């Protein structure tokens, strides 16, 4: 048996419905478009959300909330994932991205887990517990 012998199971494939190909096809005359009207015309139909002139739902429902355009979103990195680095090493956001621990954008170090070696950690932000644990292990924190 070769790859060229592979065929889909019987009943898996269906031929495309050929509309407008005569009365005997079962989809002749109006071709499933009904009689006259906007939906029967070429290029006819209404845009998504249009409700026949009635005020659409998206405009009837009130607006809620607030979007802060100046909001900063940080990529979180926990202390337990910093254990893979050697003692005394300087850890920067670029190094964390290369190691696959952080994505794009600013990095914030969070305090989950323990740290048992002194590290110099440079990041855009630190939680209070992360800062305490890094300094307790003999390391330094530096905000970039």
Protein backbone atom coordinates (compact mmCIF):
# COMPACT_ATOMS: atom_id res chain seq x y z
CA UNK A 1 0.00 0.00 0.00
CA UNK A 2 1.31 3.44 -1.00
CA UNK A 3 0.29 6.97 -0.10
CA UNK A 4 -1.26 7.22 -3.57
CA UNK A 5 -3.70 4.45 -2.66
CA UNK A 6 -5.25 6.35 0.26
CA UNK A 7 -8.89 7.32 -0.25
CA UNK A 8 -11.42 8.95 2.09
CA UNK A 9 -13.95 6.61 3.72
CA UNK A 10 -17.19 6.07 1.83
CA UNK A 11 -19.65 8.85 2.64
CA UNK A 12 -16.98 11.32 3.81
CA UNK A 13 -16.99 13.44 0.68
CA UNK A 14 -20.06 15.20 -0.74
CA UNK A 15 -20.24 16.87 -4.12
CA UNK A 16 -20.99 20.60 -4.13
CA UNK A 17 -24.66 21.56 -4.58
CA UNK A 18 -24.97 22.96 -8.13
CA UNK A 19 -27.77 25.50 -7.93
CA UNK A 20 -29.59 26.91 -10.93
CA UNK A 21 -28.92 23.90 -13.15
CA UNK A 22 -32.46 23.03 -14.23
CA UNK A 23 -35.63 21.78 -12.60
CA UNK A 24 -34.43 18.17 -12.44
CA UNK A 25 -31.54 19.13 -10.11
CA UNK A 26 -33.99 20.02 -7.33
CA UNK A 27 -32.49 23.50 -7.08
CA UNK A 28 -33.66 25.04 -10.34
CA UNK A 29 -35.76 28.15 -11.08
CA UNK A 30 -35.12 30.45 -8.05
CA UNK A 31 -32.12 28.38 -6.83
CA UNK A 32 -33.04 28.48 -3.15
CA UNK A 33 -33.43 32.28 -3.10
CA UNK A 34 -37.21 32.36 -2.68
CA UNK A 35 -39.41 34.75 -4.66
CA UNK A 36 -38.33 38.30 -5.48
CA UNK A 37 -37.14 40.78 -2.85
CA UNK A 38 -33.77 41.97 -1.59
CA UNK A 39 -32.43 38.49 -0.83
CA UNK A 40 -33.18 37.27 -4.37
CA UNK A 41 -31.19 40.00 -6.09
CA UNK A 42 -27.51 39.81 -7.01
CA UNK A 43 -25.51 41.59 -4.32
CA UNK A 44 -28.66 41.74 -2.22
CA UNK A 45 -29.02 41.08 1.48
CA UNK A 46 -28.40 43.21 4.54
CA UNK A 47 -25.19 43.93 6.44
CA UNK A 48 -24.52 42.10 9.72
CA UNK A 49 -26.40 43.69 12.61
CA UNK A 50 -29.01 45.38 10.40
CA UNK A 51 -32.51 44.89 11.83
CA UNK A 52 -34.69 46.32 9.07
CA UNK A 53 -34.43 49.94 10.19
CA UNK A 54 -35.28 49.17 13.81
CA UNK A 55 -32.66 50.50 16.26
CA UNK A 56 -30.12 47.64 16.34
CA UNK A 57 -29.29 45.81 19.56
CA UNK A 58 -25.73 47.12 19.57
CA UNK A 59 -27.08 50.68 19.76
CA UNK A 60 -29.99 49.93 22.13
CA UNK A 61 -27.72 48.52 24.86
CA UNK A 62 -25.97 51.20 26.96
CA UNK A 63 -22.21 51.63 26.97
CA UNK A 64 -20.45 50.53 30.15
CA UNK A 65 -17.00 50.69 31.66
CA UNK A 66 -13.85 52.61 30.93
CA UNK A 67 -10.83 51.85 28.77
CA UNK A 68 -7.60 53.35 30.09
CA UNK A 69 -5.38 54.11 27.08
CA UNK A 70 -2.32 54.52 29.34
CA UNK A 71 -2.62 51.13 31.09
CA UNK A 72 0.62 49.13 31.29
CA UNK A 73 0.44 45.35 31.11
CA UNK A 74 3.41 43.45 32.50
CA UNK A 75 4.60 39.95 31.64
CA UNK A 76 4.71 38.11 35.01
CA UNK A 77 7.78 36.02 35.90
CA UNK A 78 7.81 34.17 39.23
CA UNK A 79 10.83 33.59 41.46
CA UNK A 80 10.61 29.79 41.19
CA UNK A 81 11.49 30.05 37.46
CA UNK A 82 14.66 32.06 38.24
CA UNK A 83 16.22 29.00 39.94
CA UNK A 84 17.62 27.79 36.59
CA UNK A 85 20.17 30.65 36.49
CA UNK A 86 23.61 30.41 38.15
CA UNK A 87 24.47 32.24 41.37
CA UNK A 88 25.74 35.78 40.88
CA UNK A 89 24.35 36.02 37.35
CA UNK A 90 22.80 39.27 36.16
CA UNK A 91 19.26 38.66 34.90
CA UNK A 92 17.73 41.16 32.48
CA UNK A 93 14.40 41.17 30.59
CA UNK A 94 16.31 40.25 27.39
CA UNK A 95 17.83 37.19 29.11
CA UNK A 96 14.37 36.14 30.35
CA UNK A 97 13.00 36.40 26.79
CA UNK A 98 15.85 34.29 25.42
CA UNK A 99 15.15 31.65 28.10
CA UNK A 100 11.47 31.62 27.06
CA UNK A 101 10.25 32.89 30.44
CA UNK A 102 8.90 36.23 29.22
CA UNK A 103 7.21 37.51 26.09
CA UNK A 104 7.16 41.00 24.62
CA UNK A 105 6.63 44.07 26.75
CA UNK A 106 7.70 45.04 30.26
CA UNK A 107 8.54 42.30 32.79
CA UNK A 108 7.44 42.15 36.43
CA UNK A 109 8.97 39.73 38.93
CA UNK A 110 6.44 38.13 41.28
CA UNK A 111 7.15 36.37 44.58
CA UNK A 112 5.84 32.81 44.05
CA UNK A 113 8.43 30.23 45.09
CA UNK A 114 11.76 30.52 46.89
CA UNK A 115 15.21 31.72 45.82
CA UNK A 116 18.34 30.16 47.36
CA UNK A 117 21.13 31.89 45.39
CA UNK A 118 22.19 35.53 45.07
CA UNK A 119 21.10 37.04 41.75
CA UNK A 120 21.11 40.57 40.34
CA UNK A 121 17.67 40.93 38.79
CA UNK A 122 16.83 43.81 36.43
CA UNK A 123 13.15 44.20 35.53
CA UNK A 124 10.49 46.83 34.93
CA UNK A 125 8.70 46.00 38.18
CA UNK A 126 8.87 43.88 41.34
CA UNK A 127 6.24 42.78 43.82
CA UNK A 128 7.04 43.54 47.45
CA UNK A 129 7.47 39.84 48.35
CA UNK A 130 9.73 39.20 45.33
CA UNK A 131 11.99 42.11 46.28
CA UNK A 132 12.22 40.84 49.89
CA UNK A 133 13.03 37.26 48.85
CA UNK A 134 15.72 38.32 46.33
CA UNK A 135 17.43 40.55 48.91
CA UNK A 136 17.11 37.86 51.63
CA UNK A 137 19.00 35.45 49.33
CA UNK A 138 21.81 38.02 49.03
CA UNK A 139 20.83 39.38 45.61
CA UNK A 140 20.01 42.83 44.25
CA UNK A 141 16.97 44.26 42.48
CA UNK A 142 17.18 46.99 39.86
CA UNK A 143 14.26 48.69 38.13
CA UNK A 144 14.98 49.26 34.45
